[in-house]
Amino acid sequence: MFNEARALPTTLAQIKRQVPDTDTEIFLVDDGSTDDSAGLAKHLAQGDDRIEIIHLPKNLGKGAALRAGVARTTADAVLFMDADLSTSLEHVDDFLERLSKFDIVIGSRSVPGSIVKRSSPLRQVMGRTFNHLMRMTTGLKIHDSQCGFKAFRGDVARLLFSLSENDRFAFDPEILRIGVALGYSIDEVPVTWVASDHSAVRPIRDSVRTAVDLVPIRYRTRPRRIQGLATRSGLSVPTPITSSTDH
């Protein structure tokens, strides 16, 4: 979360309703917010031992924030989402169930069955243009790398994020490229997504920055390099549930 104090009360209430079981880990990562999101999160989390607040001292970027959060997990499945809950929580159970057949499950706003609401024409055009560039640059055969709703087998998530380097929005295609390099399967699933009125994302600025960051990703995520890094990481390298070269 970055300056999400406005959304936090509703977000936490919805998450608690969606995942009532006591063995769920909930991490809120504050990426150097200036609106005291971390302080508000601590207040709202009082009395719920499942919730842990991770505060980064300065704004490092979405990739860095998620890397910090995933590193703290211990569960068999890891699912991350944006603090504004642009993607409906109705997809949580389905995504977790799909992890019995796939190593990675990603939300998509660009495959048949997806529903996108309140997105501006500019944002839609920028999204399509970026994803086309992403496929050309990285070789990934997916339609939407940037949807902020993704689930992983827990040990797979901890390995992939430990091998990632990008701190900004290009971390998504980087993580997926690392997964493909290690033979993990990806399931791209249509979601219901509603654009936030208060999103910190700036379509033109962030799309350009992310496009520039794409250039070195294909080189850094060469299969032989990634396989070597994974072997030397000291972490478990899980066997893929379903090995896939489709992405």
Protein backbone atom coordinates (compact mmCIF):
# COMPACT_ATOMS: atom_id res chain seq x y z
CA MET A 1 0.00 0.00 0.00
CA PHE A 2 1.14 3.50 -0.80
CA ASN A 3 -0.94 6.36 0.63
CA GLU A 4 -4.02 4.15 0.95
CA ALA A 5 -5.38 5.46 4.27
CA ARG A 6 -8.65 6.36 2.54
CA ALA A 7 -9.21 2.77 1.37
CA LEU A 8 -7.85 0.81 4.35
CA PRO A 9 -10.93 0.62 6.62
CA THR A 10 -13.10 -0.84 3.86
CA THR A 11 -10.30 -3.03 2.50
CA LEU A 12 -9.47 -4.67 5.83
CA ALA A 13 -13.14 -5.21 6.65
CA GLN A 14 -13.67 -6.96 3.29
CA ILE A 15 -10.57 -9.13 3.67
CA LYS A 16 -11.59 -10.23 7.16
CA ARG A 17 -15.02 -11.24 5.85
CA GLN A 18 -13.54 -13.08 2.87
CA VAL A 19 -10.90 -15.01 4.84
CA PRO A 20 -12.31 -15.69 8.32
CA ASP A 21 -10.14 -18.74 9.05
CA THR A 22 -7.63 -18.20 11.82
CA ASP A 23 -4.64 -19.83 10.12
CA THR A 24 -4.48 -17.23 7.31
CA GLU A 25 -1.50 -14.87 7.29
CA ILE A 26 -2.34 -11.28 6.32
CA PHE A 27 0.56 -8.93 5.58
CA LEU A 28 0.04 -5.25 4.88
CA VAL A 29 3.17 -3.75 3.33
CA ASP A 30 3.42 0.02 3.60
CA ASP A 31 5.71 1.31 0.84
CA GLY A 32 6.85 4.49 2.54
CA SER A 33 3.44 6.20 2.64
CA THR A 34 3.23 9.84 3.70
CA ASP A 35 -0.41 9.69 4.85
CA ASP A 36 0.26 7.44 7.88
CA SER A 37 -1.21 4.37 6.19
CA ALA A 38 0.98 2.24 8.46
CA GLY A 39 -0.31 3.89 11.63
CA LEU A 40 -3.91 3.49 10.56
CA ALA A 41 -3.29 -0.13 9.56
CA LYS A 42 -1.86 -0.89 13.01
CA HIS A 43 -4.92 0.67 14.63
CA LEU A 44 -7.34 -1.30 12.44
CA ALA A 45 -5.42 -4.55 12.98
CA GLN A 46 -5.60 -4.42 16.77
CA GLY A 47 -7.00 -7.65 18.18
CA ASP A 48 -6.38 -9.69 15.00
CA ASP A 49 -3.20 -11.72 15.43
CA ARG A 50 -3.26 -12.81 11.78
CA ILE A 51 -2.33 -9.32 10.58
CA GLU A 52 1.23 -8.04 10.44
CA ILE A 53 2.24 -4.58 9.25
CA ILE A 54 5.51 -4.28 7.33
CA HIS A 55 6.70 -0.68 7.04
CA LEU A 56 9.33 0.32 4.48
CA PRO A 57 11.08 3.53 5.59
CA LYS A 58 10.81 5.11 2.15
CA ASN A 59 8.95 4.57 -1.11
CA LEU A 60 10.89 1.85 -2.95
CA GLY A 61 8.29 0.65 -5.45
CA LYS A 62 5.65 -2.03 -5.72
CA GLY A 63 8.11 -4.80 -6.54
CA ALA A 64 10.22 -4.05 -3.48
CA ALA A 65 7.14 -3.92 -1.25
CA LEU A 66 5.81 -7.25 -2.45
CA ARG A 67 9.24 -8.85 -2.15
CA ALA A 68 9.33 -7.79 1.51
CA GLY A 69 5.87 -9.20 2.12
CA VAL A 70 6.34 -12.52 0.37
CA ALA A 71 9.60 -13.09 2.27
CA ARG A 72 7.64 -13.09 5.54
CA THR A 73 5.08 -15.70 4.44
CA THR A 74 5.09 -19.33 5.56
CA ALA A 75 1.83 -20.60 4.07
CA ASP A 76 1.27 -23.22 1.36
CA ALA A 77 -0.32 -20.58 -0.89
CA VAL A 78 0.49 -16.90 -1.34
CA LEU A 79 -1.94 -14.45 -2.93
CA PHE A 80 -1.26 -10.74 -3.32
CA MET A 81 -3.65 -7.93 -4.15
CA ASP A 82 -3.67 -4.15 -4.39
CA ALA A 83 -4.73 -2.28 -1.27
CA ASP A 84 -7.63 -0.61 -3.11
CA LEU A 85 -9.11 -4.03 -3.99
CA SER A 86 -9.62 -3.14 -7.64
CA THR A 87 -9.93 -6.87 -8.31
CA SER A 88 -12.96 -8.43 -6.67
CA LEU A 89 -12.31 -10.69 -3.67
CA GLU A 90 -14.90 -13.07 -5.08
CA HIS A 91 -11.99 -14.62 -6.99
CA VAL A 92 -9.95 -15.66 -3.93
CA ASP A 93 -11.36 -19.17 -3.46
CA ASP A 94 -11.19 -19.96 -7.18
CA PHE A 95 -7.56 -18.85 -7.42
CA LEU A 96 -6.54 -20.94 -4.42
CA GLU A 97 -8.34 -23.99 -5.82
CA ARG A 98 -6.56 -23.59 -9.16
CA LEU A 99 -3.21 -23.88 -7.37
CA SER A 100 -3.89 -27.62 -7.11
CA LYS A 101 -3.30 -27.79 -10.89
CA PHE A 102 -1.05 -24.79 -11.60
CA ASP A 103 2.01 -23.30 -9.92
CA ILE A 104 0.98 -19.68 -10.63
CA VAL A 105 -2.50 -18.21 -11.18
CA ILE A 106 -2.77 -14.66 -12.49
CA GLY A 107 -5.73 -12.35 -12.85
CA SER A 108 -6.36 -10.91 -16.30
CA ARG A 109 -8.42 -8.01 -17.58
CA SER A 110 -7.75 -8.95 -21.19
CA VAL A 111 -9.04 -12.50 -21.67
CA PRO A 112 -12.62 -13.54 -22.52
CA GLY A 113 -14.88 -13.41 -19.49
CA SER A 114 -13.10 -10.50 -17.79
CA ILE A 115 -15.15 -7.49 -16.67
CA VAL A 116 -13.51 -4.05 -16.49
CA LYS A 117 -15.39 -1.09 -15.03
CA ARG A 118 -14.68 2.66 -14.83
CA SER A 119 -11.44 2.42 -16.77
CA SER A 120 -10.74 5.48 -18.91
CA PRO A 121 -10.20 5.11 -22.68
CA LEU A 122 -6.62 6.36 -22.22
CA ARG A 123 -5.89 3.74 -19.60
CA GLN A 124 -7.35 0.99 -21.78
CA VAL A 125 -5.26 2.02 -24.79
CA MET A 126 -2.11 2.32 -22.68
CA GLY A 127 -2.79 -1.10 -21.17
CA ARG A 128 -3.21 -2.82 -24.52
CA THR A 129 -0.12 -1.08 -25.91
CA PHE A 130 1.99 -2.00 -22.90
CA ASN A 131 0.91 -5.65 -22.90
CA HIS A 132 1.68 -5.92 -26.61
CA LEU A 133 5.14 -4.50 -25.95
CA MET A 134 5.54 -6.81 -22.94
CA ARG A 135 4.83 -9.90 -25.05
CA MET A 136 7.23 -8.79 -27.77
CA THR A 137 10.00 -7.93 -25.30
CA THR A 138 9.75 -10.83 -22.87
CA GLY A 139 8.29 -13.62 -25.01
CA LEU A 140 5.59 -14.25 -22.40
CA LYS A 141 2.40 -15.56 -23.99
CA ILE A 142 0.00 -13.91 -21.58
CA HIS A 143 -2.47 -11.11 -22.16
CA ASP A 144 -2.20 -9.03 -18.97
CA SER A 145 0.92 -9.06 -16.83
CA GLN A 146 0.00 -6.05 -14.68
CA CYS A 147 -3.24 -7.04 -12.95
CA GLY A 148 -2.48 -6.77 -9.22
CA PHE A 149 -4.07 -10.07 -8.24
CA LYS A 150 -1.85 -13.16 -8.41
CA ALA A 151 -1.58 -16.44 -6.51
CA PHE A 152 1.37 -18.81 -6.18
CA ARG A 153 2.19 -22.05 -4.46
CA GLY A 154 3.87 -20.75 -1.31
CA ASP A 155 7.32 -22.26 -1.84
CA VAL A 156 7.24 -21.17 -5.49
CA ALA A 157 6.40 -17.57 -4.50
CA ARG A 158 9.21 -17.37 -1.96
CA LEU A 159 11.73 -18.68 -4.49
CA LEU A 160 10.61 -16.48 -7.40
CA PHE A 161 10.50 -13.26 -5.37
CA SER A 162 13.90 -13.97 -3.84
CA LEU A 163 15.35 -14.15 -7.36
CA SER A 164 13.64 -10.98 -8.60
CA GLU A 165 15.45 -7.66 -8.91
CA ASN A 166 12.99 -5.09 -10.24
CA ASP A 167 11.57 -2.78 -7.57
CA ARG A 168 8.91 -1.10 -9.70
CA PHE A 169 5.94 -2.17 -11.82
CA ALA A 170 8.01 -4.36 -14.16
CA PHE A 171 8.36 -6.87 -11.34
CA ASP A 172 5.23 -8.68 -12.66
CA PRO A 173 6.68 -9.75 -16.03
CA GLU A 174 10.02 -10.38 -14.32
CA ILE A 175 8.45 -12.77 -11.79
CA LEU A 176 6.55 -14.57 -14.54
CA ARG A 177 9.68 -14.88 -16.70
CA ILE A 178 11.56 -16.36 -13.74
CA GLY A 179 8.72 -18.83 -13.23
CA VAL A 180 8.80 -19.88 -16.88
CA ALA A 181 12.60 -20.26 -16.73
CA LEU A 182 12.11 -22.78 -13.90
CA GLY A 183 9.33 -24.64 -15.71
CA TYR A 184 6.38 -23.50 -13.61
CA SER A 185 2.92 -23.44 -15.16
CA ILE A 186 0.80 -20.27 -15.36
CA ASP A 187 -2.99 -20.10 -15.47
CA GLU A 188 -4.41 -16.77 -16.70
CA VAL A 189 -7.92 -16.23 -15.34
CA PRO A 190 -10.50 -13.54 -16.19
CA VAL A 191 -11.40 -11.26 -13.29
CA THR A 192 -13.80 -8.48 -12.42
CA TRP A 193 -11.76 -5.31 -12.04
CA VAL A 194 -12.91 -1.78 -11.13
CA ALA A 195 -10.58 1.18 -11.61
CA SER A 196 -9.92 3.07 -8.38
CA ASP A 197 -10.67 6.79 -8.23
CA HIS A 198 -7.61 7.28 -6.03
CA SER A 199 -5.01 5.01 -7.64
CA ALA A 200 -1.37 6.09 -7.36
CA VAL A 201 -0.75 4.62 -10.82
CA ARG A 202 -0.16 7.19 -13.57
CA PRO A 203 -0.90 5.42 -16.87
CA ILE A 204 1.49 7.36 -19.13
CA ARG A 205 4.37 7.89 -16.69
CA ASP A 206 4.31 4.40 -15.20
CA SER A 207 3.78 2.66 -18.55
CA VAL A 208 6.83 4.41 -20.01
CA ARG A 209 8.97 3.61 -16.96
CA THR A 210 7.84 -0.01 -16.96
CA ALA A 211 8.45 -0.36 -20.70
CA VAL A 212 12.03 0.85 -20.19
CA ASP A 213 12.47 -1.64 -17.34
CA LEU A 214 11.33 -4.48 -19.63
CA VAL A 215 14.43 -4.23 -21.79
CA PRO A 216 16.91 -5.96 -19.46
CA ILE A 217 14.41 -8.47 -18.05
CA ARG A 218 14.65 -11.00 -20.85
CA TYR A 219 18.44 -11.02 -20.53
CA ARG A 220 18.41 -11.27 -16.73
CA THR A 221 15.88 -14.10 -16.76
CA ARG A 222 17.65 -16.43 -19.20
CA PRO A 223 16.77 -20.01 -18.13
CA ARG A 224 20.36 -21.11 -17.53
CA ARG A 225 21.09 -18.04 -15.37
CA ILE A 226 17.88 -18.38 -13.36
CA GLN A 227 18.35 -22.11 -12.84
CA GLY A 228 21.85 -21.45 -11.53
CA LEU A 229 20.65 -18.70 -9.19
CA ALA A 230 17.84 -20.92 -7.91
CA THR A 231 20.25 -23.75 -7.16
CA ARG A 232 22.55 -21.41 -5.23
CA SER A 233 19.75 -19.55 -3.44
CA GLY A 234 19.61 -21.87 -0.46
CA LEU A 235 15.84 -22.15 -0.88
CA SER A 236 13.86 -25.19 -1.92
CA VAL A 237 13.37 -25.45 -5.70
CA PRO A 238 9.92 -27.08 -5.92
CA THR A 239 9.07 -29.51 -8.70
CA PRO A 240 6.43 -27.96 -10.99
CA ILE A 241 2.89 -29.30 -10.59
CA THR A 242 2.44 -29.05 -14.34
CA SER A 243 5.47 -28.10 -16.36
CA SER A 244 4.50 -25.70 -19.09
CA THR A 245 6.24 -23.97 -21.98
CA ASP A 246 3.08 -22.25 -23.20
CA HIS A 247 3.98 -18.94 -21.60
